């Protein structure tokens, strides 16, 4: 987390980041093409690092390294951490080995680990070997943790104090270590074995009497996570308690790192993107690079689920084929099949979306899983009854009699109730099985309700025809 700096460009100061980056890119490319390197430095000096990263990423490959080299060393490190993984790798290929080593050496450990996750194993081994012993140890330790856990997300750049320190001694420690730490707003207290014993805010430290012991003003009840805690749980904890940072401890309760709120924002975006792709039955690889992926790779990711859905929809075809006799008697019945299965799919998709989101935010646990399913089932029935007011009169008019209207009306209520129940219960079933509930997405719910809906509709019509004949 870094302090911002003002933007002095030929755009309104209230514009959003992407527009600033677009303007910077245009001016930057023109200056680089003209060889106006002093102008480039002047242009970039007031711009936020994240906007500089976006601007450099939008430049032609041949100009990216040139623009990056014109940044000051401190700013280059910060800008590099905001660059897309593909641009980071491209710069590593174009920079001299000495520049690469300094760049990687001065990155924060959590950002360095994320970069190494994207690089080929051979390159990672070479870079690790060239790091200083301390940075090599920290990076290797973090790489040893499971992916998408607090251990891979954390940084070891934090300030820890001792209970016997006085407030004035602690302030001196903060002043010395502040330039090298991720945040100074949360200060952690450890014992001789580095066990986490308390936490202290910078405000409490500054307002404390200079000779007061840290142990007398710190808070001993500290919310923390373990190194193997899933990153989603870490994000929820920071959101729940409004923390700027969350301490990470190992199995022996020793403080080994902290996760800051800026890293959690990245996690939230990553997890939300993954759930959205899953909800659309898209098998996403690297979510951040999806729109930069090769079209054949994109098609390969999507076609797997589409083939599965095609075979599943084949069951609908089978149901219709087995009901050819009733359709021959009343051909107009076929005209209402798209209406019924479309309605069922929409209701099921709505219910699954609500439940999946409730599981993600853990709001559904307060209501109870069974009550949530019952609530959605009742909602589905109510939706079906409300839609009867519009659909049944239309079906009666089109069918010129009560047969089709009755079949459509009965089926509509049954289908919407079933779709809502399935849309709520199937994601909960996946969650109980330890699978991602987002996998039970709208396309799957829609396909399931298509098969069931057609069967309900044609079975109802057959029963009505049989009873009318009697």
Protein backbone atom coordinates (compact mmCIF):
# COMPACT_ATOMS: atom_id res chain seq x y z
CA UNK A 1 0.00 0.00 0.00
CA UNK A 2 1.57 3.25 -1.08
CA UNK A 3 0.81 6.91 -0.83
CA UNK A 4 -0.77 8.36 -3.95
CA UNK A 5 0.41 11.34 -5.94
CA UNK A 6 -1.50 13.87 -7.95
CA UNK A 7 -2.22 13.56 -11.66
CA UNK A 8 -1.41 16.60 -13.77
CA UNK A 9 -2.61 15.76 -17.26
CA UNK A 10 -4.75 17.33 -19.94
CA UNK A 11 -7.83 15.57 -18.62
CA UNK A 12 -10.38 16.37 -15.94
CA UNK A 13 -9.12 15.38 -12.49
CA UNK A 14 -12.32 13.45 -11.76
CA UNK A 15 -11.93 10.94 -14.61
CA UNK A 16 -11.41 7.28 -13.87
CA UNK A 17 -8.13 5.39 -14.08
CA UNK A 18 -8.59 3.75 -17.50
CA UNK A 19 -9.21 7.15 -19.16
CA UNK A 20 -6.11 8.61 -17.51
CA UNK A 21 -4.09 5.61 -18.69
CA UNK A 22 -5.45 6.03 -22.23
CA UNK A 23 -4.41 9.69 -22.34
CA UNK A 24 -0.98 8.86 -20.89
CA UNK A 25 -0.51 6.09 -23.47
CA UNK A 26 -1.20 8.42 -26.37
CA UNK A 27 1.17 11.11 -25.13
CA UNK A 28 3.79 8.56 -24.06
CA UNK A 29 3.88 6.81 -27.43
CA UNK A 30 4.20 10.14 -29.29
CA UNK A 31 7.07 11.30 -27.06
CA UNK A 32 8.95 8.00 -27.30
CA UNK A 33 8.59 7.97 -31.08
CA UNK A 34 10.01 11.52 -31.20
CA UNK A 35 12.86 10.66 -28.83
CA UNK A 36 11.65 13.19 -26.23
CA UNK A 37 12.84 11.23 -23.19
CA UNK A 38 12.97 14.21 -20.85
CA UNK A 39 9.37 14.91 -21.78
CA UNK A 40 8.48 11.31 -20.89
CA UNK A 41 9.95 11.70 -17.41
CA UNK A 42 8.06 14.94 -16.89
CA UNK A 43 4.83 13.36 -18.15
CA UNK A 44 5.06 10.33 -15.86
CA UNK A 45 6.28 12.09 -12.74
CA UNK A 46 2.79 13.04 -11.38
CA UNK A 47 0.96 9.92 -12.61
CA UNK A 48 -0.17 7.14 -10.27
CA UNK A 49 1.91 3.92 -10.61
CA UNK A 50 -1.13 1.83 -11.53
CA UNK A 51 -1.96 4.22 -14.40
CA UNK A 52 1.65 4.16 -15.58
CA UNK A 53 1.48 0.36 -15.60
CA UNK A 54 -1.69 0.43 -17.71
CA UNK A 55 -0.13 2.95 -20.09
CA UNK A 56 3.05 0.90 -20.54
CA UNK A 57 1.00 -2.26 -21.06
CA UNK A 58 -0.88 -0.56 -23.90
CA UNK A 59 2.30 0.44 -25.73
CA UNK A 60 3.77 -1.58 -28.62
CA UNK A 61 6.18 -4.25 -27.36
CA UNK A 62 9.22 -2.44 -28.73
CA UNK A 63 8.41 0.67 -26.66
CA UNK A 64 7.49 -1.01 -23.37
CA UNK A 65 11.03 -1.66 -22.20
CA UNK A 66 12.14 1.82 -23.29
CA UNK A 67 9.37 3.51 -21.32
CA UNK A 68 10.05 1.30 -18.29
CA UNK A 69 13.76 2.16 -18.28
CA UNK A 70 12.93 5.87 -18.06
CA UNK A 71 11.31 5.39 -14.64
CA UNK A 72 13.28 5.97 -11.49
CA UNK A 73 14.39 2.81 -9.70
CA UNK A 74 11.94 3.13 -6.82
CA UNK A 75 9.05 3.92 -9.13
CA UNK A 76 9.98 1.10 -11.52
CA UNK A 77 9.58 -1.47 -8.73
CA UNK A 78 6.14 -0.15 -7.82
CA UNK A 79 4.98 0.09 -11.44
CA UNK A 80 6.25 -3.41 -12.23
CA UNK A 81 4.04 -4.93 -9.52
CA UNK A 82 0.95 -3.48 -11.24
CA UNK A 83 1.81 -4.76 -14.73
CA UNK A 84 -0.07 -7.69 -16.27
CA UNK A 85 1.84 -11.02 -16.02
CA UNK A 86 2.41 -11.14 -19.79
CA UNK A 87 3.97 -7.65 -19.77
CA UNK A 88 6.10 -8.57 -16.75
CA UNK A 89 7.50 -11.58 -18.57
CA UNK A 90 8.09 -9.55 -21.72
CA UNK A 91 10.09 -6.97 -19.77
CA UNK A 92 12.17 -9.68 -18.10
CA UNK A 93 13.14 -10.92 -21.57
CA UNK A 94 14.13 -7.44 -22.76
CA UNK A 95 15.91 -6.04 -19.70
CA UNK A 96 19.55 -6.79 -18.98
CA UNK A 97 20.21 -9.51 -16.40
CA UNK A 98 21.45 -6.98 -13.84
CA UNK A 99 18.30 -4.91 -14.17
CA UNK A 100 16.13 -8.02 -13.88
CA UNK A 101 17.89 -9.15 -10.71
CA UNK A 102 17.54 -5.75 -9.04
CA UNK A 103 13.90 -5.57 -10.07
CA UNK A 104 13.04 -9.00 -8.64
CA UNK A 105 15.19 -8.48 -5.54
CA UNK A 106 13.36 -5.29 -4.55
CA UNK A 107 9.83 -6.55 -5.17
CA UNK A 108 7.66 -7.28 -2.13
CA UNK A 109 7.71 -11.04 -1.38
CA UNK A 110 4.01 -11.63 -2.14
CA UNK A 111 4.26 -9.87 -5.52
CA UNK A 112 7.47 -11.74 -6.29
CA UNK A 113 5.77 -15.07 -5.59
CA UNK A 114 2.86 -14.16 -7.87
CA UNK A 115 5.36 -13.33 -10.62
CA UNK A 116 7.19 -16.64 -10.13
CA UNK A 117 3.87 -18.48 -10.43
CA UNK A 118 3.58 -17.13 -13.98
CA UNK A 119 7.17 -17.79 -15.09
CA UNK A 120 8.60 -21.05 -16.47
CA UNK A 121 10.19 -23.25 -13.80
CA UNK A 122 13.62 -22.91 -15.41
CA UNK A 123 13.50 -19.10 -15.19
CA UNK A 124 12.28 -19.25 -11.57
CA UNK A 125 15.18 -21.50 -10.56
CA UNK A 126 17.66 -19.11 -12.18
CA UNK A 127 16.17 -16.04 -10.50
CA UNK A 128 15.98 -17.76 -7.11
CA UNK A 129 19.66 -18.68 -7.34
CA UNK A 130 20.59 -15.03 -7.98
CA UNK A 131 18.57 -13.56 -5.10
CA UNK A 132 20.19 -12.59 -1.82
CA UNK A 133 20.13 -15.38 0.81
CA UNK A 134 17.44 -13.67 2.87
CA UNK A 135 15.13 -12.95 -0.09
CA UNK A 136 15.74 -16.44 -1.44
CA UNK A 137 14.75 -17.96 1.90
CA UNK A 138 11.55 -15.89 2.17
CA UNK A 139 10.52 -16.55 -1.42
CA UNK A 140 11.23 -20.29 -1.24
CA UNK A 141 9.24 -20.49 1.99
CA UNK A 142 6.21 -18.77 0.42
CA UNK A 143 6.45 -20.89 -2.72
CA UNK A 144 6.23 -23.92 -0.43
CA UNK A 145 2.69 -23.01 0.65
CA UNK A 146 -0.36 -24.23 -1.22
CA UNK A 147 -1.66 -22.00 -4.01
CA UNK A 148 -4.54 -19.68 -3.03
CA UNK A 149 -3.80 -19.84 0.69
CA UNK A 150 -2.82 -17.14 3.15
CA UNK A 151 0.78 -18.38 3.00
CA UNK A 152 1.05 -17.53 -0.70
CA UNK A 153 -0.83 -14.26 -0.27
CA UNK A 154 1.06 -12.83 2.69
CA UNK A 155 4.13 -10.64 2.91
CA UNK A 156 6.76 -10.79 5.63
CA UNK A 157 7.28 -7.01 5.54
CA UNK A 158 5.65 -5.98 8.81
CA UNK A 159 6.68 -4.39 12.11
CA UNK A 160 6.68 -6.50 15.25
CA UNK A 161 7.30 -5.17 18.72
CA UNK A 162 7.90 -6.66 22.18
CA UNK A 163 5.76 -6.19 25.28
CA UNK A 164 8.66 -4.71 27.23
CA UNK A 165 9.21 -1.92 24.68
CA UNK A 166 8.14 1.53 25.80
CA UNK A 167 5.98 3.66 23.52
CA UNK A 168 8.91 5.93 22.67
CA UNK A 169 11.14 2.94 21.84
CA UNK A 170 8.38 1.48 19.66
CA UNK A 171 8.01 4.77 17.75
CA UNK A 172 11.72 4.77 17.03
CA UNK A 173 11.44 1.21 15.70
CA UNK A 174 8.52 2.24 13.48
CA UNK A 175 10.50 5.19 12.08
CA UNK A 176 13.46 2.95 11.22
CA UNK A 177 11.46 0.15 9.65
CA UNK A 178 8.65 2.11 7.98
CA UNK A 179 10.41 2.49 4.58
CA UNK A 180 10.79 -1.29 4.31
CA UNK A 181 7.37 -2.49 5.47
CA UNK A 182 4.04 -2.99 3.70
CA UNK A 183 2.05 -1.04 6.29
CA UNK A 184 2.69 0.71 9.60
CA UNK A 185 -0.92 1.20 10.67
CA UNK A 186 -1.11 -2.20 12.37
CA UNK A 187 1.77 -3.16 14.67
CA UNK A 188 2.14 -6.68 16.00
CA UNK A 189 3.56 -7.84 19.32
CA UNK A 190 5.47 -11.11 19.61
CA UNK A 191 7.39 -12.93 22.34
CA UNK A 192 10.94 -14.32 22.16
CA UNK A 193 9.75 -17.32 20.09
CA UNK A 194 7.85 -14.96 17.74
CA UNK A 195 4.47 -16.17 18.99
CA UNK A 196 1.78 -13.57 18.31
CA UNK A 197 0.68 -12.11 21.65
CA UNK A 198 -1.01 -8.84 20.75
CA UNK A 199 -1.75 -6.07 18.27
CA UNK A 200 -1.42 -2.31 18.49
CA UNK A 201 -2.65 0.40 16.15
CA UNK A 202 -0.39 3.29 15.20
CA UNK A 203 -2.98 5.67 16.69
CA UNK A 204 -2.81 3.94 20.09
CA UNK A 205 0.98 4.04 19.98
CA UNK A 206 1.16 7.73 19.10
CA UNK A 207 -1.36 8.73 21.80
CA UNK A 208 0.18 6.54 24.53
CA UNK A 209 2.38 8.00 27.26
CA UNK A 210 6.02 7.80 26.04
CA UNK A 211 7.11 5.58 28.97
CA UNK A 212 4.13 3.24 28.84
CA UNK A 213 4.95 -0.39 28.13
CA UNK A 214 3.55 -1.85 24.92
CA UNK A 215 2.13 -4.75 26.90
CA UNK A 216 -0.10 -2.32 28.82
CA UNK A 217 -1.75 -0.73 25.78
CA UNK A 218 -1.89 -3.54 23.24
CA UNK A 219 -4.92 -5.72 22.50
CA UNK A 220 -4.32 -9.35 23.39
CA UNK A 221 -7.31 -10.83 21.53
CA UNK A 222 -5.96 -10.88 17.98
CA UNK A 223 -7.91 -12.11 14.96
CA UNK A 224 -5.51 -14.13 12.81
CA UNK A 225 -5.42 -16.81 10.13
CA UNK A 226 -3.11 -19.73 9.51
CA UNK A 227 -0.82 -20.13 6.55
CA UNK A 228 -3.07 -22.85 5.09
CA UNK A 229 -6.28 -20.80 5.36
CA UNK A 230 -8.03 -20.43 2.01
CA UNK A 231 -7.68 -16.98 0.46
CA UNK A 232 -11.47 -16.54 0.32
CA UNK A 233 -11.69 -16.98 4.09
CA UNK A 234 -8.91 -14.43 4.50
CA UNK A 235 -10.83 -11.95 2.35
CA UNK A 236 -14.02 -12.52 4.36
CA UNK A 237 -12.17 -11.96 7.65
CA UNK A 238 -10.71 -8.64 6.48
CA UNK A 239 -14.13 -7.59 5.19
CA UNK A 240 -15.92 -8.64 8.39
CA UNK A 241 -13.58 -6.81 10.76
CA UNK A 242 -12.70 -3.85 8.48
CA UNK A 243 -8.98 -4.56 8.85
CA UNK A 244 -6.22 -2.97 6.80
CA UNK A 245 -4.09 -6.05 7.42
CA UNK A 246 -4.51 -9.50 8.94
CA UNK A 247 -1.72 -11.43 10.70
CA UNK A 248 -0.79 -14.92 9.47
CA UNK A 249 0.58 -17.51 11.88
CA UNK A 250 2.00 -20.99 11.40
CA UNK A 251 0.91 -24.15 13.21
CA UNK A 252 2.93 -23.17 16.28
CA UNK A 253 1.17 -19.76 16.38
CA UNK A 254 4.34 -17.95 15.32
CA UNK A 255 3.80 -14.77 13.31
CA UNK A 256 5.16 -15.32 9.81
CA UNK A 257 3.45 -12.61 7.73
CA UNK A 258 0.49 -10.34 7.11
CA UNK A 259 -2.12 -10.07 4.36
CA UNK A 260 -3.00 -6.50 3.43
CA UNK A 261 -6.30 -5.18 2.12
CA UNK A 262 -4.90 -4.38 -1.34
CA UNK A 263 -4.01 -8.05 -1.82
CA UNK A 264 -7.50 -9.05 -0.67
CA UNK A 265 -9.10 -6.81 -3.30
CA UNK A 266 -7.19 -8.80 -5.94
CA UNK A 267 -8.49 -12.03 -4.38
CA UNK A 268 -12.08 -10.81 -4.41
CA UNK A 269 -11.79 -9.88 -8.08
CA UNK A 270 -10.17 -13.20 -8.95
CA UNK A 271 -12.77 -15.29 -7.10
CA UNK A 272 -15.68 -13.26 -8.47
CA UNK A 273 -14.34 -13.67 -12.02
CA UNK A 274 -13.95 -17.40 -11.51
CA UNK A 275 -17.52 -17.75 -10.18
CA UNK A 276 -18.94 -15.71 -13.05
CA UNK A 277 -17.15 -17.91 -15.60
CA UNK A 278 -18.35 -21.04 -13.81
CA UNK A 279 -21.91 -19.68 -13.71
CA UNK A 280 -21.75 -19.32 -17.49
CA UNK A 281 -20.36 -22.85 -17.89
CA UNK A 282 -17.07 -21.45 -19.18
CA UNK A 283 -13.99 -23.44 -18.25
CA UNK A 284 -11.61 -20.58 -17.52
CA UNK A 285 -7.88 -21.08 -17.32
CA UNK A 286 -6.12 -17.89 -16.26
CA UNK A 287 -9.05 -15.52 -15.71
CA UNK A 288 -6.91 -12.41 -16.01
CA UNK A 289 -5.67 -13.40 -19.47
CA UNK A 290 -8.96 -14.70 -20.86
CA UNK A 291 -9.46 -11.87 -23.35
CA UNK A 292 -5.82 -12.08 -24.43
CA UNK A 293 -6.00 -15.84 -24.96
CA UNK A 294 -5.77 -17.48 -28.34
CA UNK A 295 -9.21 -17.98 -29.93
CA UNK A 296 -8.62 -21.71 -30.25
CA UNK A 297 -7.81 -21.88 -26.54
CA UNK A 298 -11.01 -19.96 -25.76
CA UNK A 299 -13.06 -22.31 -27.93
CA UNK A 300 -11.44 -25.35 -26.31
CA UNK A 301 -12.39 -24.10 -22.85
CA UNK A 302 -16.02 -23.54 -23.81
CA UNK A 303 -16.66 -26.54 -26.01
CA UNK A 304 -16.22 -29.08 -23.18
CA UNK A 305 -19.27 -27.88 -21.28
CA UNK A 306 -21.22 -27.25 -24.47
CA UNK A 307 -20.77 -30.87 -25.53
CA UNK A 308 -21.95 -32.02 -22.10
CA UNK A 309 -25.02 -29.78 -22.38
CA UNK A 310 -25.75 -31.03 -25.91
CA UNK A 311 -25.88 -34.62 -24.68
CA UNK A 312 -28.01 -33.57 -21.71
CA UNK A 313 -30.43 -31.75 -24.00
CA UNK A 314 -30.66 -34.94 -26.00
CA UNK A 315 -32.84 -36.24 -23.16
CA UNK A 316 -35.34 -33.49 -23.97
CA UNK A 317 -35.44 -34.69 -27.56
CA UNK A 318 -36.00 -38.25 -26.32
CA UNK A 319 -38.92 -37.17 -24.11
CA UNK A 320 -40.57 -35.33 -27.02
CA UNK A 321 -40.03 -38.28 -29.36
CA UNK A 322 -41.67 -40.66 -26.86
CA UNK A 323 -44.70 -38.37 -26.68
CA UNK A 324 -45.30 -38.19 -30.41
CA UNK A 325 -48.80 -39.64 -30.07
CA UNK A 326 -50.16 -36.81 -27.94
CA UNK A 327 -48.46 -34.24 -30.15
CA UNK A 328 -50.09 -35.77 -33.24
CA UNK A 329 -53.49 -35.45 -31.58
CA UNK A 330 -52.97 -31.82 -30.54
CA UNK A 331 -50.20 -30.30 -32.65
CA UNK A 332 -50.57 -26.89 -30.98
CA UNK A 333 -49.15 -28.36 -27.74
CA UNK A 334 -45.68 -28.16 -29.32
CA UNK A 335 -45.99 -24.37 -29.71
CA UNK A 336 -45.93 -23.87 -25.91
CA UNK A 337 -42.87 -26.04 -25.18
CA UNK A 338 -40.34 -23.18 -25.67
CA UNK A 339 -42.42 -20.91 -23.40
CA UNK A 340 -42.54 -23.43 -20.56
CA UNK A 341 -38.95 -24.62 -20.64
CA UNK A 342 -37.68 -21.07 -21.12
CA UNK A 343 -39.62 -19.92 -18.06
CA UNK A 344 -38.36 -22.85 -16.02
CA UNK A 345 -34.77 -22.20 -17.03
CA UNK A 346 -35.03 -18.52 -16.13
CA UNK A 347 -36.57 -19.23 -12.71
CA UNK A 348 -33.95 -21.90 -11.99
CA UNK A 349 -31.12 -19.58 -13.02
CA UNK A 350 -32.45 -16.85 -10.72
CA UNK A 351 -32.64 -19.22 -7.74
CA UNK A 352 -29.19 -20.68 -8.34
CA UNK A 353 -27.69 -17.20 -8.66
CA UNK A 354 -29.22 -16.11 -5.34
CA UNK A 355 -28.06 -19.25 -3.54
CA UNK A 356 -24.53 -19.26 -4.99
CA UNK A 357 -24.11 -15.62 -4.02
CA UNK A 358 -25.47 -16.36 -0.55
CA UNK A 359 -22.93 -19.16 -0.12
CA UNK A 360 -20.14 -16.89 -1.31
CA UNK A 361 -21.01 -14.16 1.21
CA UNK A 362 -22.05 -16.70 3.90
CA UNK A 363 -25.35 -14.83 4.31
CA UNK A 364 -27.36 -17.97 3.58
CA UNK A 365 -26.09 -19.68 6.75
CA UNK A 366 -28.02 -17.19 8.90
CA UNK A 367 -31.27 -18.29 7.26
CA UNK A 368 -30.49 -22.01 7.20
CA UNK A 369 -30.01 -24.23 4.17
CA UNK A 370 -33.36 -26.03 4.35
CA UNK A 371 -35.24 -22.78 4.91
CA UNK A 372 -33.43 -21.26 1.92
CA UNK A 373 -34.56 -24.10 -0.34
CA UNK A 374 -38.12 -23.91 1.00
CA UNK A 375 -38.16 -20.15 0.52
CA UNK A 376 -37.11 -20.48 -3.13
CA UNK A 377 -39.64 -23.28 -3.73
CA UNK A 378 -42.46 -21.09 -2.45
CA UNK A 379 -41.16 -18.20 -4.52
CA UNK A 380 -41.19 -20.44 -7.61
CA UNK A 381 -44.80 -21.46 -6.96
CA UNK A 382 -45.85 -17.84 -6.49
CA UNK A 383 -44.13 -16.85 -9.72
CA UNK A 384 -45.96 -19.63 -11.56
CA UNK A 385 -49.33 -18.53 -10.15
CA UNK A 386 -48.70 -14.91 -11.08
CA UNK A 387 -47.73 -15.88 -14.62
CA UNK A 388 -50.96 -17.87 -14.95
CA UNK A 389 -52.82 -14.58 -15.16
CA UNK A 390 -51.12 -13.85 -18.49
CA UNK A 391 -50.31 -17.26 -19.94
CA UNK A 392 -53.57 -19.19 -19.42
CA UNK A 393 -55.86 -16.67 -21.19
CA UNK A 394 -53.42 -16.58 -24.10
CA UNK A 395 -53.28 -20.39 -24.26
CA UNK A 396 -57.08 -20.63 -24.07
CA UNK A 397 -57.41 -18.19 -26.96
CA UNK A 398 -54.79 -19.93 -29.08
CA UNK A 399 -56.12 -23.41 -28.34
CA UNK A 400 -59.76 -22.43 -28.73
CA UNK A 401 -60.68 -24.42 -25.66
CA UNK A 402 -59.69 -25.47 -22.13
CA UNK A 403 -57.39 -28.42 -22.96
CA UNK A 404 -54.23 -26.56 -23.88
CA UNK A 405 -54.92 -23.81 -21.32
CA UNK A 406 -55.23 -26.39 -18.53
CA UNK A 407 -52.13 -28.29 -19.62
CA UNK A 408 -50.09 -25.09 -19.86
CA UNK A 409 -51.39 -23.71 -16.56
CA UNK A 410 -50.80 -26.84 -14.49
CA UNK A 411 -47.38 -27.40 -16.07
CA UNK A 412 -46.31 -23.78 -15.58
CA UNK A 413 -46.83 -23.87 -11.81
CA UNK A 414 -45.19 -27.29 -11.51
CA UNK A 415 -42.20 -26.29 -13.65
CA UNK A 416 -41.50 -22.97 -11.89
CA UNK A 417 -41.73 -24.68 -8.49
CA UNK A 418 -39.45 -27.50 -9.58
CA UNK A 419 -36.98 -25.11 -11.24
CA UNK A 420 -36.74 -22.90 -8.16
CA UNK A 421 -36.26 -25.92 -5.92
CA UNK A 422 -33.56 -27.40 -8.17
CA UNK A 423 -31.87 -24.02 -8.60
CA UNK A 424 -31.60 -23.65 -4.83
CA UNK A 425 -30.82 -27.23 -3.80
CA UNK A 426 -28.27 -28.35 -6.40
CA UNK A 427 -25.66 -25.64 -5.56
CA UNK A 428 -26.17 -26.48 -1.87
CA UNK A 429 -25.62 -30.16 -2.66
CA UNK A 430 -22.38 -29.34 -4.48
CA UNK A 431 -21.30 -27.19 -1.53
CA UNK A 432 -22.01 -30.04 0.90
CA UNK A 433 -19.95 -32.40 -1.29
CA UNK A 434 -16.99 -30.02 -1.10
CA UNK A 435 -17.30 -28.89 -4.72
CA UNK A 436 -17.58 -25.36 -6.05
CA UNK A 437 -21.33 -24.53 -6.02
CA UNK A 438 -20.79 -22.23 -8.99
CA UNK A 439 -20.21 -25.34 -11.11
CA UNK A 440 -23.93 -26.06 -10.73
CA UNK A 441 -24.48 -23.05 -12.95
CA UNK A 442 -27.39 -21.59 -14.88
CA UNK A 443 -26.82 -23.69 -18.06
CA UNK A 444 -26.93 -26.92 -16.04
CA UNK A 445 -30.02 -25.86 -14.10
CA UNK A 446 -31.67 -24.82 -17.38
CA UNK A 447 -30.87 -28.14 -19.03
CA UNK A 448 -32.20 -30.14 -16.08
CA UNK A 449 -35.44 -28.13 -15.96
CA UNK A 450 -35.81 -28.46 -19.74
CA UNK A 451 -35.93 -32.24 -19.51
CA UNK A 452 -38.19 -32.30 -16.46
CA UNK A 453 -40.41 -29.49 -17.78
CA UNK A 454 -41.09 -31.15 -21.13
CA UNK A 455 -41.90 -34.43 -19.39
CA UNK A 456 -44.29 -32.69 -16.95
CA UNK A 457 -46.01 -30.77 -19.74
CA UNK A 458 -46.52 -33.68 -22.12
CA UNK A 459 -47.51 -36.06 -19.30
CA UNK A 460 -50.09 -33.55 -18.09
CA UNK A 461 -51.48 -33.13 -21.62
CA UNK A 462 -51.68 -36.92 -22.06
CA UNK A 463 -53.55 -37.30 -18.76
CA UNK A 464 -55.99 -34.53 -19.69
CA UNK A 465 -56.60 -36.05 -23.13
CA UNK A 466 -57.22 -39.47 -21.62
CA UNK A 467 -59.71 -38.09 -19.10
CA UNK A 468 -61.50 -35.95 -21.69
CA UNK A 469 -61.83 -39.01 -23.94
CA UNK A 470 -63.52 -40.87 -21.10
